[in-house]
Every structure is written in C-alpha cells, then in structure tokens.
N, C-alpha and C. Protein backbone atom coordinates (compact mmCIF):
# COMPACT_ATOMS: atom_id res chain seq x y z
N MET A 1 18.97 1.28 8.48
CA MET A 1 18.18 0.12 8.14
C MET A 1 19.09 -1.08 7.88
N ARG A 2 20.18 -0.85 7.19
CA ARG A 2 21.10 -1.95 6.90
C ARG A 2 21.71 -2.51 8.18
N GLN A 3 21.90 -1.63 9.18
CA GLN A 3 22.46 -2.11 10.45
C GLN A 3 21.49 -3.04 11.14
N ILE A 4 20.20 -2.73 11.07
CA ILE A 4 19.19 -3.60 11.68
C ILE A 4 19.16 -4.93 10.95
N GLU A 5 19.18 -4.91 9.61
CA GLU A 5 19.17 -6.16 8.86
C GLU A 5 20.42 -6.98 9.16
N ALA A 6 21.55 -6.31 9.29
CA ALA A 6 22.79 -7.03 9.61
C ALA A 6 22.69 -7.64 11.00
N PHE A 7 22.09 -6.91 11.95
CA PHE A 7 21.92 -7.44 13.30
C PHE A 7 20.99 -8.65 13.28
N GLU A 8 19.87 -8.56 12.54
CA GLU A 8 18.95 -9.69 12.47
C GLU A 8 19.62 -10.90 11.86
N GLY A 9 20.42 -10.68 10.82
CA GLY A 9 21.12 -11.80 10.19
C GLY A 9 22.11 -12.44 11.15
N THR A 10 22.81 -11.62 11.94
CA THR A 10 23.75 -12.13 12.93
C THR A 10 23.01 -12.94 13.98
N HIS A 11 21.87 -12.44 14.41
CA HIS A 11 21.08 -13.14 15.42
C HIS A 11 20.64 -14.51 14.88
N GLU A 12 20.21 -14.56 13.62
CA GLU A 12 19.76 -15.82 13.06
C GLU A 12 20.91 -16.80 12.91
N ILE A 13 22.08 -16.31 12.56
CA ILE A 13 23.25 -17.20 12.45
C ILE A 13 23.62 -17.72 13.83
N ALA A 14 23.58 -16.83 14.83
CA ALA A 14 23.93 -17.24 16.19
C ALA A 14 22.92 -18.22 16.77
N SER A 15 21.64 -18.07 16.38
CA SER A 15 20.63 -18.96 16.95
C SER A 15 20.56 -20.29 16.20
N GLY A 16 21.29 -20.41 15.10
CA GLY A 16 21.30 -21.67 14.38
C GLY A 16 20.20 -21.78 13.34
N ALA A 17 19.52 -20.68 13.05
CA ALA A 17 18.46 -20.72 12.04
C ALA A 17 19.08 -20.90 10.67
N SER A 18 18.47 -21.74 9.86
CA SER A 18 19.03 -22.03 8.54
C SER A 18 18.66 -20.98 7.51
N ARG A 19 17.56 -20.25 7.72
CA ARG A 19 17.16 -19.20 6.79
C ARG A 19 16.36 -18.16 7.55
N PRO A 20 16.18 -16.99 6.98
CA PRO A 20 15.43 -15.94 7.67
C PRO A 20 13.97 -16.33 7.88
N ARG A 21 13.30 -15.60 8.78
CA ARG A 21 11.89 -15.86 9.02
C ARG A 21 11.10 -15.71 7.74
N ASN A 22 10.07 -16.53 7.57
CA ASN A 22 9.30 -16.54 6.33
C ASN A 22 8.64 -15.20 6.02
N ASP A 23 7.99 -14.58 7.01
CA ASP A 23 7.25 -13.35 6.74
C ASP A 23 8.17 -12.25 6.24
N ILE A 24 9.27 -12.03 6.92
CA ILE A 24 10.19 -10.96 6.53
C ILE A 24 10.84 -11.29 5.20
N TYR A 25 11.24 -12.53 5.01
CA TYR A 25 11.93 -12.92 3.79
C TYR A 25 11.02 -12.74 2.57
N MET A 26 9.78 -13.18 2.67
CA MET A 26 8.90 -13.11 1.51
C MET A 26 8.44 -11.70 1.22
N ILE A 27 8.20 -10.89 2.24
CA ILE A 27 7.73 -9.54 2.02
C ILE A 27 8.83 -8.68 1.41
N ASP A 28 10.04 -8.82 1.87
CA ASP A 28 11.14 -8.01 1.37
C ASP A 28 11.80 -8.60 0.13
N ASN A 29 11.39 -9.76 -0.31
CA ASN A 29 11.99 -10.40 -1.47
C ASN A 29 11.42 -9.76 -2.74
N PRO A 30 12.23 -9.05 -3.52
CA PRO A 30 11.72 -8.39 -4.72
C PRO A 30 11.37 -9.36 -5.84
N LYS A 31 11.77 -10.63 -5.73
CA LYS A 31 11.49 -11.60 -6.79
C LYS A 31 10.06 -12.12 -6.72
N THR A 32 9.41 -12.00 -5.57
CA THR A 32 8.04 -12.48 -5.43
C THR A 32 7.10 -11.29 -5.33
N GLY A 33 5.92 -11.45 -5.86
CA GLY A 33 4.91 -10.42 -5.75
C GLY A 33 5.13 -9.26 -6.70
N MET A 34 4.52 -8.13 -6.33
CA MET A 34 4.54 -6.95 -7.18
C MET A 34 5.59 -5.95 -6.71
N THR A 35 5.46 -4.72 -7.17
CA THR A 35 6.44 -3.68 -6.87
C THR A 35 6.36 -3.24 -5.42
N LEU A 36 7.35 -2.49 -5.00
CA LEU A 36 7.41 -1.98 -3.63
C LEU A 36 6.23 -1.07 -3.33
N ILE A 37 5.78 -0.30 -4.30
CA ILE A 37 4.65 0.61 -4.09
C ILE A 37 3.38 -0.19 -3.79
N VAL A 38 3.13 -1.22 -4.57
CA VAL A 38 1.94 -2.05 -4.36
C VAL A 38 2.02 -2.75 -3.01
N LYS A 39 3.20 -3.25 -2.65
CA LYS A 39 3.36 -3.92 -1.36
C LYS A 39 3.12 -2.96 -0.21
N THR A 40 3.60 -1.73 -0.33
CA THR A 40 3.41 -0.73 0.73
C THR A 40 1.94 -0.37 0.88
N ILE A 41 1.26 -0.14 -0.22
CA ILE A 41 -0.18 0.18 -0.17
C ILE A 41 -0.96 -1.00 0.39
N THR A 42 -0.56 -2.21 0.05
CA THR A 42 -1.24 -3.39 0.57
C THR A 42 -1.08 -3.49 2.08
N ARG A 43 0.13 -3.22 2.57
CA ARG A 43 0.34 -3.24 4.03
C ARG A 43 -0.60 -2.27 4.73
N LEU A 44 -0.86 -1.12 4.10
CA LEU A 44 -1.71 -0.10 4.71
C LEU A 44 -3.20 -0.43 4.60
N THR A 45 -3.61 -1.07 3.52
CA THR A 45 -5.04 -1.24 3.26
C THR A 45 -5.62 -2.59 3.65
N VAL A 46 -4.80 -3.63 3.74
CA VAL A 46 -5.36 -4.96 3.95
C VAL A 46 -6.08 -5.06 5.31
N GLY A 47 -5.56 -4.41 6.33
CA GLY A 47 -6.23 -4.42 7.63
C GLY A 47 -7.55 -3.67 7.59
N LEU A 48 -7.59 -2.58 6.87
CA LEU A 48 -8.84 -1.82 6.75
C LEU A 48 -9.90 -2.60 5.98
N ILE A 49 -9.47 -3.31 4.94
CA ILE A 49 -10.41 -4.13 4.17
C ILE A 49 -10.97 -5.25 5.05
N MET A 50 -10.10 -5.88 5.83
CA MET A 50 -10.54 -6.94 6.74
C MET A 50 -11.51 -6.39 7.78
N LEU A 51 -11.19 -5.25 8.34
CA LEU A 51 -12.06 -4.62 9.34
C LEU A 51 -13.41 -4.27 8.74
N PHE A 52 -13.44 -3.76 7.51
CA PHE A 52 -14.70 -3.44 6.85
C PHE A 52 -15.53 -4.70 6.63
N GLY A 53 -14.88 -5.81 6.24
CA GLY A 53 -15.60 -7.06 6.06
C GLY A 53 -16.21 -7.56 7.37
N ILE A 54 -15.46 -7.44 8.45
CA ILE A 54 -15.99 -7.85 9.76
C ILE A 54 -17.15 -6.94 10.16
N TYR A 55 -17.04 -5.65 9.88
CA TYR A 55 -18.13 -4.72 10.17
C TYR A 55 -19.39 -5.12 9.39
N ILE A 56 -19.24 -5.45 8.13
CA ILE A 56 -20.40 -5.84 7.31
C ILE A 56 -21.03 -7.12 7.86
N ILE A 57 -20.21 -8.06 8.30
CA ILE A 57 -20.75 -9.30 8.88
C ILE A 57 -21.53 -9.01 10.15
N LEU A 58 -20.95 -8.21 11.04
CA LEU A 58 -21.59 -7.97 12.34
C LEU A 58 -22.81 -7.06 12.26
N HIS A 59 -22.88 -6.19 11.27
CA HIS A 59 -24.00 -5.26 11.16
C HIS A 59 -24.95 -5.62 10.02
N GLY A 60 -24.89 -6.84 9.53
CA GLY A 60 -25.71 -7.26 8.40
C GLY A 60 -27.19 -7.30 8.71
N HIS A 61 -27.56 -7.45 9.95
CA HIS A 61 -28.98 -7.47 10.29
C HIS A 61 -29.53 -6.06 10.51
N LEU A 62 -28.65 -5.06 10.55
CA LEU A 62 -29.09 -3.67 10.74
C LEU A 62 -29.02 -2.86 9.45
N SER A 63 -28.18 -3.27 8.53
CA SER A 63 -27.98 -2.52 7.30
C SER A 63 -27.76 -3.53 6.17
N PRO A 64 -27.74 -3.06 4.93
CA PRO A 64 -27.48 -4.01 3.84
C PRO A 64 -26.12 -4.69 4.02
N GLY A 65 -26.08 -5.93 3.75
CA GLY A 65 -24.86 -6.71 3.91
C GLY A 65 -25.19 -8.01 4.61
N GLY A 66 -24.28 -8.50 5.38
CA GLY A 66 -24.49 -9.74 6.11
C GLY A 66 -23.33 -10.67 5.94
N GLY A 67 -23.59 -11.94 6.20
CA GLY A 67 -22.54 -12.94 6.20
C GLY A 67 -21.90 -13.15 4.85
N PHE A 68 -22.72 -13.22 3.79
CA PHE A 68 -22.14 -13.49 2.48
C PHE A 68 -21.30 -12.31 1.99
N ALA A 69 -21.86 -11.11 2.03
CA ALA A 69 -21.13 -9.93 1.55
C ALA A 69 -19.87 -9.68 2.38
N GLY A 70 -19.98 -9.79 3.70
CA GLY A 70 -18.82 -9.61 4.56
C GLY A 70 -17.77 -10.68 4.36
N GLY A 71 -18.21 -11.91 4.13
CA GLY A 71 -17.27 -13.00 3.87
C GLY A 71 -16.50 -12.80 2.58
N VAL A 72 -17.18 -12.27 1.57
CA VAL A 72 -16.50 -11.98 0.30
C VAL A 72 -15.44 -10.90 0.52
N ILE A 73 -15.75 -9.87 1.30
CA ILE A 73 -14.80 -8.79 1.55
C ILE A 73 -13.60 -9.31 2.35
N VAL A 74 -13.84 -10.15 3.34
CA VAL A 74 -12.74 -10.73 4.11
C VAL A 74 -11.85 -11.59 3.21
N ALA A 75 -12.46 -12.39 2.34
CA ALA A 75 -11.69 -13.20 1.40
C ALA A 75 -10.87 -12.32 0.47
N LEU A 76 -11.43 -11.20 0.05
CA LEU A 76 -10.71 -10.29 -0.83
C LEU A 76 -9.50 -9.67 -0.16
N SER A 77 -9.53 -9.52 1.16
CA SER A 77 -8.34 -8.99 1.84
C SER A 77 -7.18 -9.99 1.73
N PHE A 78 -7.47 -11.28 1.81
CA PHE A 78 -6.42 -12.29 1.64
C PHE A 78 -5.98 -12.40 0.18
N VAL A 79 -6.93 -12.24 -0.74
CA VAL A 79 -6.59 -12.24 -2.16
C VAL A 79 -5.68 -11.04 -2.47
N HIS A 80 -5.97 -9.91 -1.85
CA HIS A 80 -5.15 -8.71 -2.00
C HIS A 80 -3.71 -8.99 -1.54
N LEU A 81 -3.56 -9.67 -0.41
CA LEU A 81 -2.23 -10.08 0.05
C LEU A 81 -1.53 -10.98 -0.96
N MET A 82 -2.29 -11.93 -1.50
CA MET A 82 -1.72 -12.87 -2.44
C MET A 82 -1.26 -12.18 -3.72
N LEU A 83 -2.05 -11.25 -4.21
CA LEU A 83 -1.68 -10.56 -5.43
C LEU A 83 -0.46 -9.67 -5.23
N ALA A 84 -0.36 -9.03 -4.08
CA ALA A 84 0.75 -8.10 -3.84
C ALA A 84 2.05 -8.81 -3.50
N PHE A 85 1.99 -9.82 -2.63
CA PHE A 85 3.21 -10.44 -2.12
C PHE A 85 3.50 -11.82 -2.70
N GLY A 86 2.54 -12.41 -3.38
CA GLY A 86 2.72 -13.76 -3.90
C GLY A 86 1.94 -14.76 -3.06
N LYS A 87 1.76 -15.92 -3.62
CA LYS A 87 0.92 -16.92 -2.94
C LYS A 87 1.52 -17.44 -1.65
N ASP A 88 2.84 -17.42 -1.53
CA ASP A 88 3.48 -17.98 -0.35
C ASP A 88 3.18 -17.18 0.91
N VAL A 89 3.10 -15.87 0.80
CA VAL A 89 2.81 -15.03 1.96
C VAL A 89 1.38 -15.24 2.42
N ALA A 90 0.43 -15.24 1.48
CA ALA A 90 -0.97 -15.44 1.84
C ALA A 90 -1.21 -16.84 2.38
N ALA A 91 -0.54 -17.83 1.79
CA ALA A 91 -0.69 -19.20 2.27
C ALA A 91 -0.05 -19.37 3.65
N ALA A 92 0.97 -18.57 3.95
CA ALA A 92 1.59 -18.63 5.28
C ALA A 92 0.66 -18.04 6.34
N ARG A 93 -0.15 -17.06 5.95
CA ARG A 93 -1.10 -16.46 6.90
C ARG A 93 -2.22 -17.42 7.26
N ILE A 94 -2.67 -18.20 6.30
CA ILE A 94 -3.74 -19.16 6.56
C ILE A 94 -3.41 -20.44 5.79
N SER A 95 -3.07 -21.48 6.52
CA SER A 95 -2.65 -22.73 5.90
C SER A 95 -3.86 -23.51 5.37
N LYS A 96 -3.58 -24.57 4.63
CA LYS A 96 -4.65 -25.39 4.07
C LYS A 96 -5.47 -26.04 5.18
N ASN A 97 -4.80 -26.55 6.21
CA ASN A 97 -5.50 -27.19 7.32
C ASN A 97 -6.34 -26.18 8.10
N MET A 98 -5.78 -25.00 8.32
CA MET A 98 -6.52 -23.97 9.04
C MET A 98 -7.74 -23.53 8.24
N ALA A 99 -7.59 -23.38 6.92
CA ALA A 99 -8.72 -23.01 6.07
C ALA A 99 -9.80 -24.08 6.12
N SER A 100 -9.39 -25.32 6.04
CA SER A 100 -10.36 -26.42 6.10
C SER A 100 -11.08 -26.45 7.45
N ASN A 101 -10.33 -26.26 8.53
CA ASN A 101 -10.94 -26.26 9.86
C ASN A 101 -11.89 -25.08 10.04
N LEU A 102 -11.49 -23.89 9.59
CA LEU A 102 -12.37 -22.72 9.72
C LEU A 102 -13.63 -22.87 8.89
N GLU A 103 -13.50 -23.43 7.70
CA GLU A 103 -14.69 -23.63 6.87
C GLU A 103 -15.64 -24.64 7.53
N SER A 104 -15.08 -25.67 8.12
CA SER A 104 -15.91 -26.65 8.83
C SER A 104 -16.56 -26.03 10.06
N ILE A 105 -15.82 -25.19 10.78
CA ILE A 105 -16.39 -24.51 11.95
C ILE A 105 -17.54 -23.61 11.53
N GLY A 106 -17.39 -22.89 10.42
CA GLY A 106 -18.48 -22.04 9.92
C GLY A 106 -19.72 -22.84 9.59
N ALA A 107 -19.54 -23.98 8.93
CA ALA A 107 -20.67 -24.83 8.58
C ALA A 107 -21.33 -25.42 9.83
N MET A 108 -20.51 -25.85 10.78
CA MET A 108 -21.07 -26.42 12.02
C MET A 108 -21.79 -25.37 12.85
N MET A 109 -21.25 -24.14 12.86
CA MET A 109 -21.94 -23.05 13.58
C MET A 109 -23.30 -22.78 12.96
N PHE A 110 -23.37 -22.76 11.63
CA PHE A 110 -24.63 -22.51 10.96
C PHE A 110 -25.63 -23.62 11.26
N LEU A 111 -25.17 -24.86 11.25
CA LEU A 111 -26.03 -25.99 11.58
C LEU A 111 -26.49 -25.91 13.04
N PHE A 112 -25.59 -25.51 13.93
CA PHE A 112 -25.94 -25.35 15.34
C PHE A 112 -27.03 -24.29 15.52
N VAL A 113 -26.90 -23.17 14.82
CA VAL A 113 -27.91 -22.10 14.91
C VAL A 113 -29.25 -22.61 14.38
N ALA A 114 -29.21 -23.39 13.30
CA ALA A 114 -30.45 -23.94 12.75
C ALA A 114 -31.10 -24.92 13.72
N LEU A 115 -30.28 -25.77 14.32
CA LEU A 115 -30.82 -26.76 15.26
C LEU A 115 -31.20 -26.14 16.60
N LEU A 116 -30.64 -24.98 16.92
CA LEU A 116 -31.00 -24.27 18.14
C LEU A 116 -32.49 -23.92 18.15
N GLY A 117 -33.03 -23.73 16.97
CA GLY A 117 -34.46 -23.43 16.85
C GLY A 117 -35.35 -24.56 17.33
N PHE A 118 -34.84 -25.78 17.31
CA PHE A 118 -35.65 -26.91 17.79
C PHE A 118 -35.98 -26.78 19.27
N LEU A 119 -35.18 -26.00 20.01
CA LEU A 119 -35.52 -25.77 21.42
C LEU A 119 -36.85 -25.05 21.55
N GLY A 120 -37.17 -24.21 20.57
CA GLY A 120 -38.44 -23.50 20.55
C GLY A 120 -39.53 -24.23 19.80
N GLY A 121 -39.17 -25.29 19.10
CA GLY A 121 -40.16 -26.11 18.44
C GLY A 121 -40.11 -26.10 16.93
N SER A 122 -39.20 -25.36 16.32
CA SER A 122 -39.15 -25.31 14.86
C SER A 122 -37.71 -25.11 14.40
N PHE A 123 -37.42 -25.61 13.21
CA PHE A 123 -36.10 -25.46 12.61
C PHE A 123 -35.85 -23.99 12.29
N PHE A 124 -34.71 -23.45 12.68
CA PHE A 124 -34.31 -22.05 12.49
C PHE A 124 -35.20 -21.07 13.25
N LEU A 125 -35.90 -21.51 14.27
CA LEU A 125 -36.70 -20.58 15.07
C LEU A 125 -35.77 -19.68 15.88
N ASN A 126 -36.08 -18.41 15.94
CA ASN A 126 -35.25 -17.44 16.65
C ASN A 126 -35.60 -17.51 18.14
N VAL A 127 -34.81 -18.28 18.90
CA VAL A 127 -35.11 -18.51 20.31
C VAL A 127 -34.39 -17.53 21.23
N LEU A 128 -33.43 -16.78 20.71
CA LEU A 128 -32.69 -15.83 21.56
C LEU A 128 -33.47 -14.53 21.70
N ASN A 129 -33.14 -13.77 22.74
CA ASN A 129 -33.78 -12.49 22.98
C ASN A 129 -33.53 -11.55 21.82
N LYS A 130 -34.58 -10.89 21.37
CA LYS A 130 -34.46 -10.01 20.22
C LYS A 130 -33.88 -8.65 20.57
N GLY A 131 -33.99 -8.19 21.79
CA GLY A 131 -33.39 -6.91 22.19
C GLY A 131 -34.11 -5.71 21.61
N ASN A 132 -33.44 -4.57 21.64
CA ASN A 132 -34.00 -3.32 21.14
C ASN A 132 -33.65 -3.14 19.67
N PRO A 133 -34.57 -2.58 18.90
CA PRO A 133 -34.27 -2.35 17.48
C PRO A 133 -33.06 -1.43 17.30
N PHE A 134 -32.29 -1.68 16.27
CA PHE A 134 -31.11 -0.90 15.86
C PHE A 134 -29.94 -1.01 16.83
N ASN A 135 -29.96 -1.97 17.74
CA ASN A 135 -28.78 -2.29 18.55
C ASN A 135 -28.08 -3.49 17.91
N LEU A 136 -26.78 -3.64 18.23
CA LEU A 136 -26.01 -4.71 17.60
C LEU A 136 -26.58 -6.08 17.94
N PHE A 137 -27.00 -6.29 19.16
CA PHE A 137 -27.55 -7.58 19.57
C PHE A 137 -29.07 -7.54 19.59
N SER A 138 -29.68 -7.14 18.47
CA SER A 138 -31.13 -6.98 18.43
C SER A 138 -31.80 -7.99 17.51
N ALA A 139 -31.08 -8.97 17.01
CA ALA A 139 -31.68 -9.85 16.01
C ALA A 139 -31.71 -11.31 16.42
N GLY A 140 -31.38 -11.61 17.65
CA GLY A 140 -31.40 -13.00 18.08
C GLY A 140 -30.35 -13.84 17.37
N THR A 141 -30.81 -14.89 16.68
CA THR A 141 -29.87 -15.81 16.04
C THR A 141 -29.38 -15.34 14.68
N ILE A 142 -29.92 -14.24 14.16
CA ILE A 142 -29.48 -13.76 12.84
C ILE A 142 -28.02 -13.35 12.88
N LEU A 143 -27.58 -12.71 13.97
CA LEU A 143 -26.17 -12.32 14.09
C LEU A 143 -25.27 -13.56 14.08
N LEU A 144 -25.66 -14.60 14.80
CA LEU A 144 -24.87 -15.84 14.79
C LEU A 144 -24.84 -16.48 13.41
N SER A 145 -25.95 -16.42 12.71
CA SER A 145 -25.99 -16.94 11.33
C SER A 145 -25.07 -16.15 10.42
N ASN A 146 -25.08 -14.82 10.55
CA ASN A 146 -24.21 -13.99 9.73
C ASN A 146 -22.73 -14.29 10.00
N ILE A 147 -22.37 -14.48 11.25
CA ILE A 147 -20.97 -14.79 11.59
C ILE A 147 -20.57 -16.13 10.99
N SER A 148 -21.41 -17.14 11.12
CA SER A 148 -21.07 -18.46 10.58
C SER A 148 -21.01 -18.44 9.06
N ILE A 149 -21.91 -17.74 8.41
CA ILE A 149 -21.88 -17.64 6.95
C ILE A 149 -20.66 -16.85 6.50
N GLY A 150 -20.32 -15.79 7.24
CA GLY A 150 -19.13 -15.00 6.90
C GLY A 150 -17.86 -15.82 6.97
N ILE A 151 -17.73 -16.65 8.00
CA ILE A 151 -16.55 -17.52 8.11
C ILE A 151 -16.51 -18.51 6.96
N LYS A 152 -17.63 -19.15 6.71
CA LYS A 152 -17.70 -20.17 5.65
C LYS A 152 -17.40 -19.58 4.28
N VAL A 153 -18.02 -18.46 3.96
CA VAL A 153 -17.85 -17.85 2.64
C VAL A 153 -16.43 -17.28 2.49
N GLY A 154 -15.94 -16.58 3.52
CA GLY A 154 -14.62 -15.97 3.44
C GLY A 154 -13.52 -17.00 3.23
N VAL A 155 -13.52 -18.02 4.03
CA VAL A 155 -12.49 -19.05 3.93
C VAL A 155 -12.67 -19.87 2.64
N GLY A 156 -13.92 -20.14 2.28
CA GLY A 156 -14.17 -20.91 1.06
C GLY A 156 -13.72 -20.20 -0.20
N LEU A 157 -14.02 -18.92 -0.31
CA LEU A 157 -13.60 -18.16 -1.49
C LEU A 157 -12.08 -18.02 -1.55
N PHE A 158 -11.45 -17.82 -0.41
CA PHE A 158 -9.99 -17.74 -0.41
C PHE A 158 -9.38 -19.07 -0.82
N ALA A 159 -9.94 -20.16 -0.34
CA ALA A 159 -9.43 -21.49 -0.70
C ALA A 159 -9.60 -21.75 -2.20
N ILE A 160 -10.72 -21.31 -2.76
CA ILE A 160 -10.94 -21.47 -4.21
C ILE A 160 -9.89 -20.68 -4.98
N PHE A 161 -9.66 -19.43 -4.57
CA PHE A 161 -8.68 -18.60 -5.26
C PHE A 161 -7.27 -19.19 -5.13
N LEU A 162 -6.94 -19.68 -3.94
CA LEU A 162 -5.63 -20.30 -3.73
C LEU A 162 -5.47 -21.55 -4.59
N ALA A 163 -6.52 -22.36 -4.70
CA ALA A 163 -6.47 -23.56 -5.54
C ALA A 163 -6.28 -23.18 -7.00
N LEU A 164 -6.95 -22.12 -7.45
CA LEU A 164 -6.79 -21.69 -8.83
C LEU A 164 -5.37 -21.21 -9.11
N VAL A 165 -4.78 -20.51 -8.15
CA VAL A 165 -3.41 -20.02 -8.33
C VAL A 165 -2.44 -21.19 -8.38
N ILE A 166 -2.61 -22.15 -7.49
CA ILE A 166 -1.73 -23.32 -7.48
C ILE A 166 -1.91 -24.14 -8.76
N LEU A 167 -3.15 -24.30 -9.22
CA LEU A 167 -3.43 -25.05 -10.44
C LEU A 167 -2.82 -24.34 -11.64
N GLU A 168 -2.89 -23.02 -11.69
CA GLU A 168 -2.34 -22.26 -12.80
C GLU A 168 -0.82 -22.37 -12.82
N LYS A 169 -0.19 -22.32 -11.65
CA LYS A 169 1.27 -22.45 -11.59
C LYS A 169 1.72 -23.83 -12.01
N SER A 170 0.97 -24.88 -11.61
CA SER A 170 1.36 -26.23 -11.98
C SER A 170 1.14 -26.49 -13.47
N SER A 171 0.14 -25.87 -14.07
CA SER A 171 -0.07 -26.06 -15.51
C SER A 171 1.01 -25.37 -16.32
N LYS A 172 1.56 -24.26 -15.81
CA LYS A 172 2.67 -23.58 -16.50
C LYS A 172 3.92 -24.43 -16.46
N LYS A 173 4.14 -25.16 -15.36
CA LYS A 173 5.32 -26.02 -15.26
C LYS A 173 5.26 -27.19 -16.24
N GLU A 174 4.05 -27.68 -16.50
CA GLU A 174 3.89 -28.81 -17.42
C GLU A 174 4.17 -28.40 -18.86
N LEU A 175 3.90 -27.14 -19.21
CA LEU A 175 4.12 -26.69 -20.58
C LEU A 175 5.56 -26.47 -20.78
C-alpha cells in the first residue's frame, strides 16, 4: 500500500500538482471526520442508502413512500458522508451551485407536471397513459411528481444541514 501511495505522490510531483486530489486527501486524512471504522462502514453503506432512497422515490405510487420520503433518505446519505468524513468531502460531492441548480430543477419539474395538466383542461390533470396497475409506469404524472419532489426535498434538506454545519463552525470561531 505504501508503494502505491509513494507512486501516486511521485506522479503528482511529476505532473506539477500542488497538492493531492481532494477526494483521496480528505478521506484518508485522520484529522477530519470520524474514526477509520466509521469511514469504512460509511463507504459500504452510503451507496445502499442512496439506492434505497431512489427506490422509494420511483415506487412511491405503488407502495408507501414517494418523493418526500425518498428525498429525505437521499439527503440522509449525504449527511452520512458529512458526519463520517467531514463537511469538506460532502461539499465536494455536491457544490453550492449544483445544489441550488438541482433544487431549482426539481421545482421547475414539479411546476411543469402541474402545468402539463392544462393540456387536458385542468391544473394537475393526469394526462399521461395510466398503464397497468402495479407496474412502475402505471400512474401517469404521479411518478414525475415524485421524482421532482424527491430532487427538491433531497437537495433542500442537504443544503439546510450543510448551512447549519457551516453556521455552527463559524460561531465557534467567533467565540
């Protein structure tokens, strides 16, 4: 392992890089985040949590759940990253501009789905084919609504948590 790290360091020096890549540096840095055990478990579980949140969003019209519940679970996967590795790693995965853009896209998608109903004559009218019961594409515009709500809620909750962490760190510096 040390030989690989030495090789990577040599490569970065040869390429003119001033410091190691952010992802590797922050994950392996013992000064940020929690213990090695927590970081290892987080690496194993964060993808599964994200996948479960996406499943809840996509199957919300067939089973309990939907856009809000799935969005909360997706946001919790990023919060899990932040707690284990520190705010810098989670913020590197999704920047402030990207979070703002995704939240706006979620809101615009929801508005688009609502206005799509005007094609049929009413606000939020389900104009898409309803399909067969208990199939993934069996709810018309409800699936699109769940996806847009999931994006909006997931990114919004993560942004709130990130703002609270940054606010808490800045208040500690003032004291």
